[in-house]
Amino acid sequence: MTTAQQHPSKIILGIDPGTNVMGYGVIRAQGNKAEMVVMGVIDMRKEKDVYLRLGKVFERVTGIIEEYLPDEMAIEAPFFGKNIQSMLKLGRAQGVAIAAAIQREVPIHEYAPLKIKMAITGNGSASKDQVAGMLQRLLHLQDSEMPQFMDATDALGAAYCHFLQSNRPNSDAKHYGS
């Protein structure tokens, strides 16, 4: 039996929810190795209507799922802050991304930002720059592959965190789906 047969590859889609800019990152995992397939953002800043923004999130996440055919989706859980309106908007965006995954029967795993930072850097209070820098090293990314928006690396971080957690028994991620 070859190594590829012992450890089939798995595609993981990571999502960093947002109402202005939503990040996504896709990794291919095989055994204890992972590589980036793609990362980017869904930029909704030009769209003023909040419901059209949510529609765009659904369409783009569905399109990403159809293009890359992920086996699982890892999504960053909302960060609970003081601004309730911002939390509601973020929750809507997360819900729409989750609905796109459910419609395509992609299992969903939710991770708190602290858990993602801890898994990648070993420091739950790491900055976005520190997370991006560590992902660049772990996934052997060139400077030219690093995105303009940190939302993309945050999403890649969610996917990579899930890759690390799925190689460990007794993961404490919230899981939804089949």
C-alpha atoms as a PDB file:
ATOM      1  CA  MET A   1       0.000   0.000   0.000  1.00  0.00           C
ATOM      2  CA  THR A   2       1.418   3.402  -0.963  1.00  0.00           C
ATOM      3  CA  THR A   3       1.580   6.395   1.350  1.00  0.00           C
ATOM      4  CA  ALA A   4      -1.140   8.113  -0.704  1.00  0.00           C
ATOM      5  CA  GLN A   5      -3.447   5.124  -0.170  1.00  0.00           C
ATOM      6  CA  GLN A   6      -2.721   5.064   3.566  1.00  0.00           C
ATOM      7  CA  HIS A   7      -3.333   8.813   3.896  1.00  0.00           C
ATOM      8  CA  PRO A   8      -5.758  10.049   1.240  1.00  0.00           C
ATOM      9  CA  SER A   9      -5.657  13.779   0.683  1.00  0.00           C
ATOM     10  CA  LYS A  10      -8.312  15.984   2.226  1.00  0.00           C
ATOM     11  CA  ILE A  11      -9.329  19.470   1.078  1.00  0.00           C
ATOM     12  CA  ILE A  12     -10.173  21.917   3.882  1.00  0.00           C
ATOM     13  CA  LEU A  13     -11.871  25.261   3.249  1.00  0.00           C
ATOM     14  CA  GLY A  14     -11.262  27.930   5.878  1.00  0.00           C
ATOM     15  CA  ILE A  15     -13.582  30.937   6.246  1.00  0.00           C
ATOM     16  CA  ASP A  16     -13.027  34.167   8.169  1.00  0.00           C
ATOM     17  CA  PRO A  17     -16.510  35.722   8.273  1.00  0.00           C
ATOM     18  CA  GLY A  18     -16.924  39.409   7.600  1.00  0.00           C
ATOM     19  CA  THR A  19     -19.520  41.857   6.365  1.00  0.00           C
ATOM     20  CA  ASN A  20     -17.095  44.088   4.462  1.00  0.00           C
ATOM     21  CA  VAL A  21     -14.349  41.618   3.558  1.00  0.00           C
ATOM     22  CA  MET A  22     -14.663  37.860   4.064  1.00  0.00           C
ATOM     23  CA  GLY A  23     -11.532  35.737   3.842  1.00  0.00           C
ATOM     24  CA  TYR A  24     -11.228  32.247   2.451  1.00  0.00           C
ATOM     25  CA  GLY A  25      -8.358  29.790   2.301  1.00  0.00           C
ATOM     26  CA  VAL A  26      -8.124  26.273   0.926  1.00  0.00           C
ATOM     27  CA  ILE A  27      -5.501  23.732   1.932  1.00  0.00           C
ATOM     28  CA  ARG A  28      -4.798  20.197   0.781  1.00  0.00           C
ATOM     29  CA  ALA A  29      -3.808  17.900   3.636  1.00  0.00           C
ATOM     30  CA  GLN A  30      -2.235  14.495   3.277  1.00  0.00           C
ATOM     31  CA  GLY A  31      -1.046  12.663   6.357  1.00  0.00           C
ATOM     32  CA  ASN A  32       0.880  15.186   8.451  1.00  0.00           C
ATOM     33  CA  LYS A  33       1.585  17.558   5.536  1.00  0.00           C
ATOM     34  CA  ALA A  34      -0.483  20.467   4.274  1.00  0.00           C
ATOM     35  CA  GLU A  35      -0.148  22.849   1.363  1.00  0.00           C
ATOM     36  CA  MET A  36      -2.053  25.957   0.377  1.00  0.00           C
ATOM     37  CA  VAL A  37      -4.237  25.603  -2.695  1.00  0.00           C
ATOM     38  CA  VAL A  38      -5.642  29.141  -2.757  1.00  0.00           C
ATOM     39  CA  MET A  39      -6.530  32.039  -0.491  1.00  0.00           C
ATOM     40  CA  GLY A  40      -8.322  35.295  -1.102  1.00  0.00           C
ATOM     41  CA  VAL A  41     -11.148  37.561  -0.061  1.00  0.00           C
ATOM     42  CA  ILE A  42     -14.713  38.319  -0.980  1.00  0.00           C
ATOM     43  CA  ASP A  43     -14.752  42.132  -1.034  1.00  0.00           C
ATOM     44  CA  MET A  44     -18.215  43.563  -0.431  1.00  0.00           C
ATOM     45  CA  ARG A  45     -17.302  47.132   0.470  1.00  0.00           C
ATOM     46  CA  LYS A  46     -18.803  48.602  -2.715  1.00  0.00           C
ATOM     47  CA  GLU A  47     -22.196  47.028  -2.067  1.00  0.00           C
ATOM     48  CA  LYS A  48     -24.223  49.261   0.261  1.00  0.00           C
ATOM     49  CA  ASP A  49     -27.270  46.989   0.724  1.00  0.00           C
ATOM     50  CA  VAL A  50     -26.612  44.583   3.607  1.00  0.00           C
ATOM     51  CA  TYR A  51     -28.869  41.878   2.169  1.00  0.00           C
ATOM     52  CA  LEU A  52     -27.158  41.995  -1.220  1.00  0.00           C
ATOM     53  CA  ARG A  53     -23.852  41.611   0.643  1.00  0.00           C
ATOM     54  CA  LEU A  54     -25.166  38.467   2.309  1.00  0.00           C
ATOM     55  CA  GLY A  55     -26.337  37.184  -1.063  1.00  0.00           C
ATOM     56  CA  LYS A  56     -22.849  37.782  -2.447  1.00  0.00           C
ATOM     57  CA  VAL A  57     -21.331  35.838   0.469  1.00  0.00           C
ATOM     58  CA  PHE A  58     -23.640  32.906  -0.251  1.00  0.00           C
ATOM     59  CA  GLU A  59     -22.924  32.940  -3.999  1.00  0.00           C
ATOM     60  CA  ARG A  60     -19.138  33.234  -3.611  1.00  0.00           C
ATOM     61  CA  VAL A  61     -18.817  30.628  -0.838  1.00  0.00           C
ATOM     62  CA  THR A  62     -20.988  28.264  -2.891  1.00  0.00           C
ATOM     63  CA  GLY A  63     -18.761  28.940  -5.917  1.00  0.00           C
ATOM     64  CA  ILE A  64     -15.596  28.248  -3.914  1.00  0.00           C
ATOM     65  CA  ILE A  65     -17.109  24.989  -2.651  1.00  0.00           C
ATOM     66  CA  GLU A  66     -18.078  23.961  -6.189  1.00  0.00           C
ATOM     67  CA  GLU A  67     -14.621  24.813  -7.552  1.00  0.00           C
ATOM     68  CA  TYR A  68     -12.412  23.231  -4.863  1.00  0.00           C
ATOM     69  CA  LEU A  69     -14.767  20.511  -3.543  1.00  0.00           C
ATOM     70  CA  PRO A  70     -13.687  20.677   0.112  1.00  0.00           C
ATOM     71  CA  ASP A  71     -14.146  17.645   2.321  1.00  0.00           C
ATOM     72  CA  GLU A  72     -14.648  19.912   5.353  1.00  0.00           C
ATOM     73  CA  MET A  73     -15.031  23.583   6.220  1.00  0.00           C
ATOM     74  CA  ALA A  74     -13.420  25.324   9.192  1.00  0.00           C
ATOM     75  CA  ILE A  75     -14.936  28.659  10.143  1.00  0.00           C
ATOM     76  CA  GLU A  76     -13.805  31.206  12.688  1.00  0.00           C
ATOM     77  CA  ALA A  77     -16.386  31.725  15.428  1.00  0.00           C
ATOM     78  CA  PRO A  78     -17.521  35.305  16.021  1.00  0.00           C
ATOM     79  CA  PHE A  79     -15.445  37.264  18.514  1.00  0.00           C
ATOM     80  CA  PHE A  80     -17.716  38.585  21.244  1.00  0.00           C
ATOM     81  CA  GLY A  81     -17.124  42.309  21.545  1.00  0.00           C
ATOM     82  CA  LYS A  82     -18.964  45.266  22.981  1.00  0.00           C
ATOM     83  CA  ASN A  83     -20.682  46.424  19.765  1.00  0.00           C
ATOM     84  CA  ILE A  84     -23.853  44.350  19.529  1.00  0.00           C
ATOM     85  CA  GLN A  85     -24.757  45.602  16.034  1.00  0.00           C
ATOM     86  CA  SER A  86     -21.372  44.504  14.692  1.00  0.00           C
ATOM     87  CA  MET A  87     -21.827  41.108  16.329  1.00  0.00           C
ATOM     88  CA  LEU A  88     -25.240  40.651  14.721  1.00  0.00           C
ATOM     89  CA  LYS A  89     -23.889  41.562  11.273  1.00  0.00           C
ATOM     90  CA  LEU A  90     -20.939  39.216  11.682  1.00  0.00           C
ATOM     91  CA  GLY A  91     -23.234  36.420  12.849  1.00  0.00           C
ATOM     92  CA  ARG A  92     -25.381  36.858   9.755  1.00  0.00           C
ATOM     93  CA  ALA A  93     -22.346  36.604   7.473  1.00  0.00           C
ATOM     94  CA  GLN A  94     -21.153  33.507   9.320  1.00  0.00           C
ATOM     95  CA  GLY A  95     -24.621  31.971   9.092  1.00  0.00           C
ATOM     96  CA  VAL A  96     -24.803  32.534   5.347  1.00  0.00           C
ATOM     97  CA  ALA A  97     -21.373  30.918   4.834  1.00  0.00           C
ATOM     98  CA  ILE A  98     -22.483  27.971   6.990  1.00  0.00           C
ATOM     99  CA  ALA A  99     -25.718  27.679   4.975  1.00  0.00           C
ATOM    100  CA  ALA A 100     -23.694  27.463   1.747  1.00  0.00           C
ATOM    101  CA  ALA A 101     -21.671  24.588   3.229  1.00  0.00           C
ATOM    102  CA  ILE A 102     -24.776  22.820   4.535  1.00  0.00           C
ATOM    103  CA  GLN A 103     -26.440  23.096   1.121  1.00  0.00           C
ATOM    104  CA  ARG A 104     -23.416  21.361  -0.433  1.00  0.00           C
ATOM    105  CA  GLU A 105     -23.228  18.802   2.424  1.00  0.00           C
ATOM    106  CA  VAL A 106     -19.802  19.960   3.587  1.00  0.00           C
ATOM    107  CA  PRO A 107     -19.194  19.210   7.297  1.00  0.00           C
ATOM    108  CA  ILE A 108     -18.473  22.371   9.302  1.00  0.00           C
ATOM    109  CA  HIS A 109     -16.079  22.859  12.210  1.00  0.00           C
ATOM    110  CA  GLU A 110     -16.067  26.084  14.209  1.00  0.00           C
ATOM    111  CA  TYR A 111     -13.017  27.425  16.042  1.00  0.00           C
ATOM    112  CA  ALA A 112     -12.638  30.392  18.367  1.00  0.00           C
ATOM    113  CA  PRO A 113     -10.040  32.977  17.257  1.00  0.00           C
ATOM    114  CA  LEU A 114      -7.974  32.218  20.378  1.00  0.00           C
ATOM    115  CA  LYS A 115      -7.920  28.492  19.499  1.00  0.00           C
ATOM    116  CA  ILE A 116      -6.734  29.245  15.946  1.00  0.00           C
ATOM    117  CA  LYS A 117      -3.981  31.582  17.154  1.00  0.00           C
ATOM    118  CA  MET A 118      -2.873  29.086  19.795  1.00  0.00           C
ATOM    119  CA  ALA A 119      -2.777  26.190  17.313  1.00  0.00           C
ATOM    120  CA  ILE A 120      -0.683  28.128  14.790  1.00  0.00           C
ATOM    121  CA  THR A 121       1.613  30.290  16.913  1.00  0.00           C
ATOM    122  CA  GLY A 122       1.396  28.749  20.376  1.00  0.00           C
ATOM    123  CA  ASN A 123       0.140  32.126  21.632  1.00  0.00           C
ATOM    124  CA  GLY A 124      -3.599  32.775  21.972  1.00  0.00           C
ATOM    125  CA  SER A 125      -3.061  36.529  21.915  1.00  0.00           C
ATOM    126  CA  ALA A 126      -0.869  36.544  18.780  1.00  0.00           C
ATOM    127  CA  SER A 127      -1.400  39.403  16.338  1.00  0.00           C
ATOM    128  CA  LYS A 128      -2.755  38.918  12.821  1.00  0.00           C
ATOM    129  CA  ASP A 129       0.758  39.638  11.513  1.00  0.00           C
ATOM    130  CA  GLN A 130       2.230  36.918  13.729  1.00  0.00           C
ATOM    131  CA  VAL A 131      -0.367  34.390  12.544  1.00  0.00           C
ATOM    132  CA  ALA A 132       0.270  35.334   8.901  1.00  0.00           C
ATOM    133  CA  GLY A 133       4.035  35.067   9.382  1.00  0.00           C
ATOM    134  CA  MET A 134       3.791  31.646  10.985  1.00  0.00           C
ATOM    135  CA  LEU A 135       1.460  30.393   8.236  1.00  0.00           C
ATOM    136  CA  GLN A 136       3.947  31.680   5.668  1.00  0.00           C
ATOM    137  CA  ARG A 137       6.666  29.578   7.306  1.00  0.00           C
ATOM    138  CA  LEU A 138       4.533  26.480   7.940  1.00  0.00           C
ATOM    139  CA  LEU A 139       3.105  26.384   4.413  1.00  0.00           C
ATOM    140  CA  HIS A 140       6.314  27.575   2.700  1.00  0.00           C
ATOM    141  CA  LEU A 141       4.601  30.570   1.085  1.00  0.00           C
ATOM    142  CA  GLN A 142       6.558  33.146  -0.895  1.00  0.00           C
ATOM    143  CA  ASP A 143       6.178  36.851  -0.094  1.00  0.00           C
ATOM    144  CA  SER A 144       4.366  37.233  -3.430  1.00  0.00           C
ATOM    145  CA  GLU A 145       1.730  34.721  -2.259  1.00  0.00           C
ATOM    146  CA  MET A 146       0.876  36.721   0.850  1.00  0.00           C
ATOM    147  CA  PRO A 147      -2.418  38.624   0.473  1.00  0.00           C
ATOM    148  CA  GLN A 148      -3.190  42.310   0.892  1.00  0.00           C
ATOM    149  CA  PHE A 149      -5.987  41.573   3.375  1.00  0.00           C
ATOM    150  CA  MET A 150      -5.333  39.676   6.604  1.00  0.00           C
ATOM    151  CA  ASP A 151      -8.840  38.223   6.310  1.00  0.00           C
ATOM    152  CA  ALA A 152      -7.392  35.742   3.788  1.00  0.00           C
ATOM    153  CA  THR A 153      -4.622  34.587   6.142  1.00  0.00           C
ATOM    154  CA  ASP A 154      -7.141  34.402   9.005  1.00  0.00           C
ATOM    155  CA  ALA A 155      -9.237  32.040   6.869  1.00  0.00           C
ATOM    156  CA  LEU A 156      -6.154  30.031   5.931  1.00  0.00           C
ATOM    157  CA  GLY A 157      -5.425  29.892   9.666  1.00  0.00           C
ATOM    158  CA  ALA A 158      -8.863  28.396  10.358  1.00  0.00           C
ATOM    159  CA  ALA A 159      -8.222  25.703   7.735  1.00  0.00           C
ATOM    160  CA  TYR A 160      -4.722  24.986   9.068  1.00  0.00           C
ATOM    161  CA  CYS A 161      -5.991  24.872  12.663  1.00  0.00           C
ATOM    162  CA  HIS A 162      -8.555  22.270  11.592  1.00  0.00           C
ATOM    163  CA  PHE A 163      -5.828  20.293   9.825  1.00  0.00           C
ATOM    164  CA  LEU A 164      -3.831  20.243  13.080  1.00  0.00           C
ATOM    165  CA  GLN A 165      -6.887  19.374  15.183  1.00  0.00           C
ATOM    166  CA  SER A 166      -8.064  16.614  12.851  1.00  0.00           C
ATOM    167  CA  ASN A 167      -4.719  14.872  13.337  1.00  0.00           C
ATOM    168  CA  ARG A 168      -5.398  14.826  17.099  1.00  0.00           C
ATOM    169  CA  PRO A 169      -7.984  12.685  18.869  1.00  0.00           C
ATOM    170  CA  ASN A 170     -10.617  14.411  20.999  1.00  0.00           C
ATOM    171  CA  SER A 171     -10.689  17.756  19.188  1.00  0.00           C
ATOM    172  CA  ASP A 172     -12.877  20.265  21.013  1.00  0.00           C
ATOM    173  CA  ALA A 173     -14.088  22.066  17.875  1.00  0.00           C
ATOM    174  CA  LYS A 174     -17.815  22.549  17.435  1.00  0.00           C
ATOM    175  CA  HIS A 175     -18.918  20.299  14.583  1.00  0.00           C
ATOM    176  CA  TYR A 176     -21.985  20.614  12.378  1.00  0.00           C
ATOM    177  CA  GLY A 177     -23.060  18.501   9.456  1.00  0.00           C
ATOM    178  CA  SER A 178     -22.948  14.970   8.187  1.00  0.00           C
END
